[in-house]
Amino acid sequence: MKIASFFSGAGGLDLGFTNAGFKLAFANDNWEGCWETFEKNHKISINKKSITKIKADEVPDVVGFVGGPPCQSWSLAGAMRGINDPRGRVFYDYVRLIKEKKPLFFLAENVAGLLSSRHYTEFMKIVNAFKQIGYNVSFKLLDANDYGVPQERKRVIVVGYHEKFGKKFEFPKPLEAKSMLKDAIGDLPEPIPASQKNKSNGKLEIYNHEYMNGGFSTIYMSRNRVRGWDEPSFTIQAGGRHAPCHPKAPKMRHVQKDKMEFIKSKENLYRRLSVRECARIQTFPDDFVFYYSNVADGYKMIGNAVPVKLAEALAMQIMKDLLELKQQGKIKEWSANLAKIQEEKIILP
């Protein structure tokens, strides 16, 4: 079953879906920094246009669309401009292409800020836009740690099934066992610091096992950045300067409101997680290589990705549902009637 990927980045979502048995037929991202990584790992050329410029006839016929539209506009940690930011509006280009191509399903991933009081009304407009073009929509705030990912990472997942099926997606149940930092990175040796000006050291014995140099900002030092070996990691962010510290270091000491400090005499233990350690925490396999000149781009690709194991859990549930629908003859019936489905009108903001 073929899928199309949008806002693909390094392709954590894509890898989860291909692990579950889907085949990647189309991928798109307009950020140059991810192109080499995506193409060399997924063995497929990436469409390099902005989604705003993509026409429906450029996308092959597929059973599903998957993507994580840019999240900065909706993030609680950012400016929260939402739909007023051009990056927030691309959600509607995703709707536009789904409307025109009519895949059997779609999935969208974004930050928890979508459900904040500031953005909830706009988010429901997006949900209703998907409903208006003929999809039964389910959405839920998930924590990746419930699905085999060794970090606390809360994200909104939206899944739509074409209404002709008369079925809604039901989210997979959380796993009982939780993965921790020791499980993810406990066997890795000490990495090396990035080269001068935080450039890559090139090919390493363990791919991408290097970490960003430089001081720690007052924002970074405003709260504890260390999780222990028997805890899940903090959320892996897209900025290397905000990567969590390695669990070998002791927890930071509280000085006053919004001010922490490293434990004196232990300062040498405080370093940022390496690019590979962050990749492991995002559940990328070790043979998935990230290509970059600036180490910051490695952190960006990994932090922007959907954790592979979370994507795989969602994909396996979708695959199970599609196979059941196929056995019931509903997918065959849907395909035969595709040309007869009446175009619904939708006004995009």
Protein backbone atom coordinates (compact mmCIF):
# COMPACT_ATOMS: atom_id res chain seq x y z
CA MET A 1 0.00 0.00 0.00
CA LYS A 2 1.56 3.25 -1.17
CA ILE A 3 1.63 6.48 0.82
CA ALA A 4 2.63 10.09 0.18
CA SER A 5 4.62 12.05 2.76
CA PHE A 6 4.62 15.81 3.27
CA PHE A 7 6.83 18.01 5.49
CA SER A 8 8.99 14.89 5.46
CA GLY A 9 12.18 16.16 7.11
CA ALA A 10 14.48 13.25 7.90
CA GLY A 11 11.51 10.90 7.67
CA GLY A 12 10.80 9.48 11.12
CA LEU A 13 7.10 9.24 10.27
CA ASP A 14 7.94 7.64 6.92
CA LEU A 15 10.24 5.05 8.50
CA GLY A 16 7.55 4.07 10.99
CA PHE A 17 5.06 3.56 8.17
CA THR A 18 7.44 1.58 5.96
CA ASN A 19 8.33 -0.59 8.98
CA ALA A 20 4.60 -1.34 9.25
CA GLY A 21 4.40 -2.48 5.62
CA PHE A 22 3.51 0.67 3.69
CA LYS A 23 5.53 1.76 0.65
CA LEU A 24 6.69 5.34 0.23
CA ALA A 25 5.72 6.61 -3.23
CA PHE A 26 6.13 10.38 -2.79
CA ALA A 27 7.88 12.68 -0.33
CA ASN A 28 8.08 16.45 -0.04
CA ASP A 29 10.04 19.00 1.99
CA ASN A 30 11.39 22.39 0.95
CA TRP A 31 14.20 22.55 3.55
CA GLU A 32 17.50 21.82 1.81
CA GLY A 33 19.10 20.67 5.05
CA CYS A 34 17.14 17.39 5.09
CA TRP A 35 17.28 16.40 1.42
CA GLU A 36 20.47 14.31 1.42
CA THR A 37 19.54 12.55 4.64
CA PHE A 38 16.07 11.69 3.40
CA GLU A 39 17.08 10.48 -0.04
CA LYS A 40 20.03 8.36 1.09
CA ASN A 41 18.08 6.65 3.88
CA HIS A 42 14.71 6.20 2.20
CA LYS A 43 16.06 5.54 -1.32
CA ILE A 44 13.55 7.88 -2.94
CA SER A 45 13.85 11.32 -4.50
CA ILE A 46 12.23 14.11 -2.54
CA ASN A 47 10.01 16.80 -4.05
CA LYS A 48 11.70 20.06 -3.04
CA LYS A 49 8.84 22.52 -3.52
CA SER A 50 6.84 24.30 -0.87
CA ILE A 51 3.56 22.47 -0.41
CA THR A 52 1.84 25.71 -1.44
CA LYS A 53 3.25 25.17 -4.97
CA ILE A 54 2.42 21.48 -5.34
CA LYS A 55 -0.42 20.56 -7.68
CA ALA A 56 -2.48 17.43 -7.22
CA ASP A 57 -1.32 15.88 -10.49
CA GLU A 58 2.26 15.86 -9.14
CA VAL A 59 1.25 13.44 -6.38
CA PRO A 60 0.77 9.79 -7.41
CA ASP A 61 -2.35 7.87 -6.45
CA VAL A 62 -1.80 6.50 -2.97
CA VAL A 63 -3.83 4.99 -0.15
CA GLY A 64 -2.68 7.50 2.44
CA PHE A 65 -1.19 10.90 3.18
CA VAL A 66 1.10 11.39 6.20
CA GLY A 67 2.76 14.55 7.44
CA GLY A 68 3.66 16.86 10.27
CA PRO A 69 3.01 20.48 9.20
CA PRO A 70 5.48 23.00 10.70
CA CYS A 71 4.82 23.29 14.42
CA GLN A 72 6.55 26.54 15.40
CA SER A 73 3.36 28.57 14.86
CA TRP A 74 1.41 26.48 17.36
CA SER A 75 4.11 25.71 19.92
CA LEU A 76 3.64 26.76 23.53
CA ALA A 77 7.37 27.47 23.60
CA GLY A 78 7.22 29.81 20.60
CA ALA A 79 5.38 32.95 19.57
CA MET A 80 2.10 30.99 19.14
CA ARG A 81 1.08 33.00 16.05
CA GLY A 82 -0.90 30.05 14.75
CA ILE A 83 -2.87 30.71 11.59
CA ASN A 84 -1.44 34.23 11.42
CA ASP A 85 1.94 32.70 10.59
CA PRO A 86 2.41 31.44 6.99
CA ARG A 87 3.82 28.23 8.49
CA GLY A 88 0.52 27.71 10.29
CA ARG A 89 -1.51 28.15 7.12
CA VAL A 90 0.13 25.26 5.27
CA PHE A 91 -2.23 22.95 7.14
CA TYR A 92 -4.82 24.09 4.62
CA ASP A 93 -2.60 23.19 1.67
CA TYR A 94 -2.48 19.71 3.17
CA VAL A 95 -6.30 19.77 3.25
CA ARG A 96 -6.35 21.00 -0.37
CA LEU A 97 -4.26 18.11 -1.69
CA ILE A 98 -6.21 15.54 0.33
CA LYS A 99 -9.45 16.95 -1.06
CA GLU A 100 -8.19 16.61 -4.61
CA LYS A 101 -6.50 13.19 -4.30
CA LYS A 102 -8.98 11.51 -1.91
CA PRO A 103 -6.66 8.98 -0.23
CA LEU A 104 -8.23 6.30 1.94
CA PHE A 105 -6.70 7.89 5.03
CA PHE A 106 -4.55 10.76 6.22
CA LEU A 107 -2.47 11.41 9.32
CA ALA A 108 -1.23 14.74 10.65
CA GLU A 109 1.07 15.31 13.64
CA ASN A 110 1.67 18.53 15.54
CA VAL A 111 2.57 20.00 18.92
CA ALA A 112 0.37 20.01 22.01
CA GLY A 113 -0.09 23.78 21.63
CA LEU A 114 -2.77 23.08 19.02
CA LEU A 115 -5.08 22.17 21.89
CA SER A 116 -4.27 25.26 23.96
CA SER A 117 -7.07 27.73 24.67
CA ARG A 118 -5.39 30.21 22.34
CA HIS A 119 -5.43 27.88 19.32
CA TYR A 120 -8.25 25.39 19.99
CA THR A 121 -10.88 27.29 17.98
CA GLU A 122 -8.57 27.47 14.97
CA PHE A 123 -7.62 23.82 15.39
CA MET A 124 -11.28 22.81 15.29
CA LYS A 125 -11.62 24.78 12.04
CA ILE A 126 -8.88 22.58 10.61
CA VAL A 127 -10.62 19.43 11.92
CA ASN A 128 -13.90 20.62 10.36
CA ALA A 129 -12.10 21.33 7.09
CA PHE A 130 -11.08 17.66 6.98
CA LYS A 131 -14.64 16.63 7.79
CA GLN A 132 -16.08 18.84 5.05
CA ILE A 133 -13.99 17.12 2.39
CA GLY A 134 -15.34 13.72 3.40
CA TYR A 135 -13.35 12.26 6.29
CA ASN A 136 -14.26 10.84 9.66
CA VAL A 137 -11.69 12.49 11.91
CA SER A 138 -10.15 11.32 15.19
CA PHE A 139 -7.61 13.30 17.19
CA LYS A 140 -5.83 12.76 20.48
CA LEU A 141 -2.91 14.08 22.51
CA LEU A 142 -0.41 11.23 22.83
CA ASP A 143 2.78 10.86 24.83
CA ALA A 144 5.42 9.03 22.80
CA ASN A 145 6.70 7.42 26.00
CA ASP A 146 3.54 5.29 26.01
CA TYR A 147 4.63 3.68 22.73
CA GLY A 148 8.19 2.53 23.30
CA VAL A 149 9.90 5.91 22.95
CA PRO A 150 12.32 6.78 25.80
CA GLN A 151 11.24 10.40 26.18
CA GLU A 152 8.29 12.44 27.33
CA ARG A 153 6.96 13.90 24.10
CA LYS A 154 3.36 15.02 23.84
CA ARG A 155 1.97 15.51 20.36
CA VAL A 156 -1.47 15.88 18.77
CA ILE A 157 -2.21 13.16 16.25
CA VAL A 158 -5.05 13.62 13.76
CA VAL A 159 -6.20 10.66 11.65
CA GLY A 160 -8.97 10.68 9.08
CA TYR A 161 -10.64 7.75 7.30
CA HIS A 162 -12.73 8.39 4.21
CA GLU A 163 -16.37 8.64 5.26
CA LYS A 164 -17.40 6.00 2.71
CA PHE A 165 -15.96 3.40 5.07
CA GLY A 166 -18.26 4.41 7.91
CA LYS A 167 -15.37 3.93 10.33
CA LYS A 168 -13.24 6.11 12.61
CA PHE A 169 -9.66 5.50 13.65
CA GLU A 170 -9.20 4.21 17.19
CA PHE A 171 -5.85 5.01 18.78
CA PRO A 172 -3.68 2.06 19.88
CA LYS A 173 -3.51 1.40 23.59
CA PRO A 174 -0.37 2.49 25.47
CA LEU A 175 2.24 -0.14 26.22
CA GLU A 176 2.56 -1.24 29.84
CA ALA A 177 6.37 -1.16 29.86
CA LYS A 178 8.06 2.24 29.50
CA SER A 179 11.43 2.75 27.85
CA MET A 180 14.05 4.77 29.75
CA LEU A 181 17.32 6.50 28.96
CA LYS A 182 19.39 3.51 30.05
CA ASP A 183 17.54 1.33 27.52
CA ALA A 184 18.20 3.81 24.72
CA ILE A 185 21.75 5.07 25.20
CA GLY A 186 23.26 3.11 28.07
CA ASP A 187 25.58 1.12 25.80
CA LEU A 188 27.04 4.06 23.87
CA PRO A 189 30.62 5.14 24.57
CA GLU A 190 31.49 8.78 25.18
CA PRO A 191 31.03 10.87 22.01
CA ILE A 192 33.38 13.54 20.72
CA PRO A 193 32.70 17.28 20.66
CA ALA A 194 31.82 18.94 17.38
CA SER A 195 34.61 20.43 15.36
CA GLN A 196 35.46 24.13 15.36
CA LYS A 197 32.41 26.40 14.98
CA ASN A 198 30.22 23.34 15.60
CA LYS A 199 31.02 21.77 12.26
CA SER A 200 30.73 18.04 11.76
CA ASN A 201 33.73 15.80 12.38
CA GLY A 202 32.79 13.83 9.28
CA LYS A 203 32.44 10.08 9.23
CA LEU A 204 32.68 8.60 12.73
CA GLU A 205 32.91 5.02 13.96
CA ILE A 206 29.42 5.50 15.41
CA TYR A 207 27.54 7.64 12.94
CA ASN A 208 26.71 11.15 14.22
CA HIS A 209 28.04 10.48 17.71
CA GLU A 210 29.18 14.07 18.32
CA TYR A 211 27.75 16.87 20.40
CA MET A 212 27.36 20.63 20.15
CA ASN A 213 29.86 22.86 21.94
CA GLY A 214 29.25 26.25 23.47
CA GLY A 215 27.87 27.88 26.56
CA PHE A 216 24.44 27.45 28.09
CA SER A 217 21.96 30.32 27.84
CA THR A 218 20.01 31.80 30.74
CA ILE A 219 16.92 30.15 29.24
CA TYR A 220 18.67 26.79 29.30
CA MET A 221 19.78 27.39 32.90
CA SER A 222 16.27 28.36 34.00
CA ARG A 223 15.32 24.78 34.80
CA ASN A 224 16.83 21.34 35.32
CA ARG A 225 18.05 19.77 32.08
CA VAL A 226 19.18 16.41 33.44
CA ARG A 227 17.15 13.22 33.56
CA GLY A 228 18.54 10.11 35.25
CA TRP A 229 19.25 6.76 33.64
CA ASP A 230 15.99 5.28 34.96
CA GLU A 231 13.85 8.12 33.62
CA PRO A 232 12.61 9.00 30.14
CA SER A 233 14.37 11.88 28.43
CA PHE A 234 12.99 15.38 28.23
CA THR A 235 11.50 16.15 24.80
CA ILE A 236 14.18 16.22 22.12
CA GLN A 237 13.92 19.67 20.55
CA ALA A 238 14.95 20.86 17.10
CA GLY A 239 17.67 23.14 18.48
CA GLY A 240 20.98 21.64 19.49
CA ARG A 241 21.68 24.33 22.06
CA HIS A 242 18.63 23.14 23.99
CA ALA A 243 19.47 19.43 23.85
CA PRO A 244 19.17 17.83 27.31
CA CYS A 245 22.30 17.02 29.28
CA HIS A 246 23.59 13.46 29.43
CA PRO A 247 22.30 11.42 32.41
CA LYS A 248 25.82 10.85 33.75
CA ALA A 249 25.57 14.36 35.25
CA PRO A 250 23.80 15.00 38.57
CA LYS A 251 20.54 16.91 38.57
CA MET A 252 21.04 20.66 38.49
CA ARG A 253 20.70 22.67 41.70
CA HIS A 254 17.90 25.18 42.18
CA VAL A 255 19.22 28.63 43.04
CA GLN A 256 16.14 30.81 42.76
CA LYS A 257 13.06 31.18 40.56
CA ASP A 258 13.99 30.43 36.93
CA LYS A 259 17.64 29.92 37.82
CA MET A 260 19.51 26.64 38.16
CA GLU A 261 23.19 25.84 38.29
CA PHE A 262 25.47 22.89 37.66
CA ILE A 263 26.76 21.09 40.74
CA LYS A 264 30.15 22.54 41.59
CA SER A 265 33.11 20.19 41.08
CA LYS A 266 30.93 18.16 38.66
CA GLU A 267 30.83 20.74 35.85
CA ASN A 268 32.86 18.49 33.54
CA LEU A 269 30.00 15.97 33.50
CA TYR A 270 27.50 18.38 31.97
CA ARG A 271 27.41 18.05 28.21
CA ARG A 272 24.62 18.01 25.70
CA LEU A 273 23.38 14.71 24.33
CA SER A 274 25.08 13.83 21.06
CA VAL A 275 23.29 13.82 17.74
CA ARG A 276 23.28 9.99 17.79
CA GLU A 277 22.02 9.87 21.37
CA CYS A 278 19.14 12.15 20.37
CA ALA A 279 18.47 9.92 17.35
CA ARG A 280 18.35 6.85 19.59
CA ILE A 281 15.92 8.63 21.93
CA GLN A 282 13.79 9.39 18.86
CA THR A 283 14.06 5.63 18.09
CA PHE A 284 15.96 5.95 14.82
CA PRO A 285 18.13 2.88 14.18
CA ASP A 286 21.92 3.26 14.24
CA ASP A 287 22.22 2.60 10.50
CA PHE A 288 20.05 5.65 9.77
CA VAL A 289 22.73 8.24 8.98
CA PHE A 290 22.17 11.99 9.25
CA TYR A 291 24.11 14.06 6.71
CA TYR A 292 25.06 17.62 7.59
CA SER A 293 27.93 20.09 7.69
CA ASN A 294 26.67 22.03 10.69
CA VAL A 295 25.97 19.85 13.73
CA ALA A 296 22.96 22.08 14.45
CA ASP A 297 21.25 20.68 11.34
CA GLY A 298 21.57 17.15 12.72
CA TYR A 299 19.76 18.16 15.90
CA LYS A 300 17.14 20.03 13.84
CA MET A 301 16.30 17.02 11.68
CA ILE A 302 16.02 14.73 14.68
CA GLY A 303 14.07 17.12 16.89
CA ASN A 304 11.55 17.85 14.15
CA ALA A 305 10.95 14.16 13.44
CA VAL A 306 8.10 12.00 14.65
CA PRO A 307 9.62 9.24 16.82
CA VAL A 308 9.87 6.14 14.68
CA LYS A 309 8.25 3.78 17.19
CA LEU A 310 5.29 6.12 17.73
CA ALA A 311 4.80 6.36 13.96
CA GLU A 312 5.05 2.59 13.67
CA ALA A 313 2.39 2.01 16.35
CA LEU A 314 -0.02 4.33 14.54
CA ALA A 315 0.81 2.84 11.14
CA MET A 316 0.26 -0.73 12.33
CA GLN A 317 -3.21 0.18 13.58
CA ILE A 318 -4.04 1.85 10.25
CA MET A 319 -2.70 -1.13 8.31
CA LYS A 320 -4.81 -3.49 10.44
CA ASP A 321 -7.94 -1.42 9.73
CA LEU A 322 -7.25 -1.25 5.98
CA LEU A 323 -6.71 -5.00 5.74
CA GLU A 324 -10.01 -5.59 7.54
CA LEU A 325 -11.79 -3.19 5.18
CA LYS A 326 -10.20 -4.92 2.22
CA GLN A 327 -11.43 -8.31 3.47
CA GLN A 328 -14.91 -6.81 3.79
CA GLY A 329 -14.71 -5.62 0.18
CA LYS A 330 -15.06 -1.97 1.14
CA ILE A 331 -11.76 -0.81 -0.32
CA LYS A 332 -12.54 -2.40 -3.68
CA GLU A 333 -15.99 -0.78 -3.63
CA TRP A 334 -14.43 2.55 -2.66
CA SER A 335 -11.99 2.40 -5.59
CA ALA A 336 -14.74 1.58 -8.07
CA ASN A 337 -16.83 4.50 -6.91
CA LEU A 338 -13.95 6.98 -6.65
CA ALA A 339 -14.96 8.89 -9.76
CA LYS A 340 -18.55 9.12 -8.51
CA ILE A 341 -17.73 10.80 -5.21
CA GLN A 342 -19.17 14.26 -5.42
CA GLU A 343 -16.78 17.16 -4.90
CA GLU A 344 -17.69 19.02 -1.71
CA LYS A 345 -17.12 22.74 -1.48
CA ILE A 346 -14.75 24.07 1.12
CA ILE A 347 -13.55 27.62 1.63
CA LEU A 348 -9.98 27.68 2.86
CA PRO A 349 -9.00 30.62 5.05
